[in-house]
Amino acid sequence: MKITVTKPTKSEIEDAKSWPVWEKEVSEFDWEYAEKETCLILDGEATVASKDGAEMVAFGAGDMVIFEEGLACTWKITKPIKKHYRFG
């Protein structure tokens, strides 16, 4: 799997608070991950589908999401999203 969604632990939530924040309105766009990204979704909802059609994952507020390096995908944001993120 190139996309993993979990419920974060309390320590993961505390750690994520020091990461940068990214926000995006309802939209749809293509993206490719040059490196692994870990993010904690603070608000909103989105679905991400891999370009090869192998995966489609929905997530929202409270989820921890990991996107593996090399993933080519399409983001569909259905509710404005706000997340803490970390690359590497």
C-alpha atoms as a PDB file:
ATOM      1  CA  MET A   1       0.000   0.000   0.000  1.00  0.00           C
ATOM      2  CA  LYS A   2       1.243   3.455  -0.869  1.00  0.00           C
ATOM      3  CA  ILE A   3      -1.365   5.260   1.272  1.00  0.00           C
ATOM      4  CA  THR A   4      -1.876   4.376   4.934  1.00  0.00           C
ATOM      5  CA  VAL A   5      -4.572   5.878   7.189  1.00  0.00           C
ATOM      6  CA  THR A   6      -4.504   5.347  10.953  1.00  0.00           C
ATOM      7  CA  LYS A   7      -5.769   6.954  14.126  1.00  0.00           C
ATOM      8  CA  PRO A   8      -2.785   8.721  15.730  1.00  0.00           C
ATOM      9  CA  THR A   9      -1.603   8.149  19.266  1.00  0.00           C
ATOM     10  CA  LYS A  10      -1.478  11.041  21.739  1.00  0.00           C
ATOM     11  CA  SER A  11       2.293  11.280  21.308  1.00  0.00           C
ATOM     12  CA  GLU A  12       1.970  11.390  17.498  1.00  0.00           C
ATOM     13  CA  ILE A  13      -0.557  14.237  17.816  1.00  0.00           C
ATOM     14  CA  GLU A  14       1.782  16.161  20.140  1.00  0.00           C
ATOM     15  CA  ASP A  15       4.713  15.633  17.753  1.00  0.00           C
ATOM     16  CA  ALA A  16       2.662  16.790  14.741  1.00  0.00           C
ATOM     17  CA  LYS A  17       1.836  20.110  16.414  1.00  0.00           C
ATOM     18  CA  SER A  18       5.376  21.297  15.619  1.00  0.00           C
ATOM     19  CA  TRP A  19       5.015  20.523  11.874  1.00  0.00           C
ATOM     20  CA  PRO A  20       4.008  23.146   9.260  1.00  0.00           C
ATOM     21  CA  VAL A  21       0.338  23.606   8.346  1.00  0.00           C
ATOM     22  CA  TRP A  22      -1.144  23.332   4.844  1.00  0.00           C
ATOM     23  CA  GLU A  23      -4.684  24.354   3.864  1.00  0.00           C
ATOM     24  CA  LYS A  24      -6.618  23.909   0.622  1.00  0.00           C
ATOM     25  CA  GLU A  25     -10.148  24.693  -0.535  1.00  0.00           C
ATOM     26  CA  VAL A  26     -12.528  22.202  -2.157  1.00  0.00           C
ATOM     27  CA  SER A  27     -10.716  21.183  -5.338  1.00  0.00           C
ATOM     28  CA  GLU A  28      -9.246  18.366  -7.390  1.00  0.00           C
ATOM     29  CA  PHE A  29      -5.613  18.132  -8.497  1.00  0.00           C
ATOM     30  CA  ASP A  30      -2.876  15.691  -9.486  1.00  0.00           C
ATOM     31  CA  TRP A  31       0.175  15.214  -7.266  1.00  0.00           C
ATOM     32  CA  GLU A  32       3.305  13.069  -7.160  1.00  0.00           C
ATOM     33  CA  TYR A  33       5.287  12.452  -3.980  1.00  0.00           C
ATOM     34  CA  ALA A  34       9.048  12.927  -4.450  1.00  0.00           C
ATOM     35  CA  GLU A  35       9.472  11.771  -0.842  1.00  0.00           C
ATOM     36  CA  LYS A  36       7.360  10.231   1.903  1.00  0.00           C
ATOM     37  CA  GLU A  37       4.841  12.549   3.567  1.00  0.00           C
ATOM     38  CA  THR A  38       3.197  12.018   6.946  1.00  0.00           C
ATOM     39  CA  CYS A  39       0.275  14.274   7.818  1.00  0.00           C
ATOM     40  CA  LEU A  40      -2.262  14.779  10.576  1.00  0.00           C
ATOM     41  CA  ILE A  41      -5.620  15.960   9.235  1.00  0.00           C
ATOM     42  CA  LEU A  42      -6.979  18.760  11.435  1.00  0.00           C
ATOM     43  CA  ASP A  43     -10.121  19.666   9.456  1.00  0.00           C
ATOM     44  CA  GLY A  44     -11.888  18.633   6.270  1.00  0.00           C
ATOM     45  CA  GLU A  45     -12.230  15.554   4.101  1.00  0.00           C
ATOM     46  CA  ALA A  46     -10.531  14.228   0.993  1.00  0.00           C
ATOM     47  CA  THR A  47     -10.192  11.174  -1.203  1.00  0.00           C
ATOM     48  CA  VAL A  48      -6.877  10.301  -2.823  1.00  0.00           C
ATOM     49  CA  ALA A  49      -6.688   7.827  -5.713  1.00  0.00           C
ATOM     50  CA  SER A  50      -3.476   6.399  -7.106  1.00  0.00           C
ATOM     51  CA  LYS A  51      -2.934   6.973 -10.840  1.00  0.00           C
ATOM     52  CA  ASP A  52      -2.552   3.217 -11.415  1.00  0.00           C
ATOM     53  CA  GLY A  53      -6.039   2.643  -9.966  1.00  0.00           C
ATOM     54  CA  ALA A  54      -4.728   0.282  -7.275  1.00  0.00           C
ATOM     55  CA  GLU A  55      -5.802   2.432  -4.332  1.00  0.00           C
ATOM     56  CA  MET A  56      -8.501   4.917  -3.361  1.00  0.00           C
ATOM     57  CA  VAL A  57      -8.471   6.134   0.227  1.00  0.00           C
ATOM     58  CA  ALA A  58     -10.816   8.552   2.009  1.00  0.00           C
ATOM     59  CA  PHE A  59      -9.786  10.374   5.178  1.00  0.00           C
ATOM     60  CA  GLY A  60     -10.774  13.299   7.354  1.00  0.00           C
ATOM     61  CA  ALA A  61     -10.241  15.206  10.579  1.00  0.00           C
ATOM     62  CA  GLY A  62      -8.401  13.167  13.189  1.00  0.00           C
ATOM     63  CA  ASP A  63      -6.673  10.808  10.747  1.00  0.00           C
ATOM     64  CA  MET A  64      -2.925  10.303  10.360  1.00  0.00           C
ATOM     65  CA  VAL A  65      -2.089   9.666   6.697  1.00  0.00           C
ATOM     66  CA  ILE A  66       1.182   8.445   5.177  1.00  0.00           C
ATOM     67  CA  PHE A  67       1.876   8.840   1.459  1.00  0.00           C
ATOM     68  CA  GLU A  68       4.838   6.790   0.248  1.00  0.00           C
ATOM     69  CA  GLU A  69       7.616   8.170  -1.971  1.00  0.00           C
ATOM     70  CA  GLY A  70       6.871   7.752  -5.678  1.00  0.00           C
ATOM     71  CA  LEU A  71       3.081   7.797  -5.334  1.00  0.00           C
ATOM     72  CA  ALA A  72       1.372   9.492  -8.300  1.00  0.00           C
ATOM     73  CA  CYS A  73      -2.218  10.330  -7.382  1.00  0.00           C
ATOM     74  CA  THR A  74      -5.241  12.583  -7.678  1.00  0.00           C
ATOM     75  CA  TRP A  75      -6.501  14.498  -4.656  1.00  0.00           C
ATOM     76  CA  LYS A  76     -10.229  15.278  -4.449  1.00  0.00           C
ATOM     77  CA  ILE A  77     -10.903  17.603  -1.509  1.00  0.00           C
ATOM     78  CA  THR A  78     -14.604  17.496  -0.617  1.00  0.00           C
ATOM     79  CA  LYS A  79     -14.464  19.698   2.512  1.00  0.00           C
ATOM     80  CA  PRO A  80     -11.758  22.392   2.929  1.00  0.00           C
ATOM     81  CA  ILE A  81      -8.739  20.644   4.392  1.00  0.00           C
ATOM     82  CA  LYS A  82      -6.171  21.710   6.970  1.00  0.00           C
ATOM     83  CA  LYS A  83      -3.281  19.475   7.964  1.00  0.00           C
ATOM     84  CA  HIS A  84       0.053  19.334   9.745  1.00  0.00           C
ATOM     85  CA  TYR A  85       2.623  17.697   7.461  1.00  0.00           C
ATOM     86  CA  ARG A  86       6.187  16.391   7.466  1.00  0.00           C
ATOM     87  CA  PHE A  87       8.276  15.176   4.548  1.00  0.00           C
ATOM     88  CA  GLY A  88      10.929  12.487   4.832  1.00  0.00           C
END
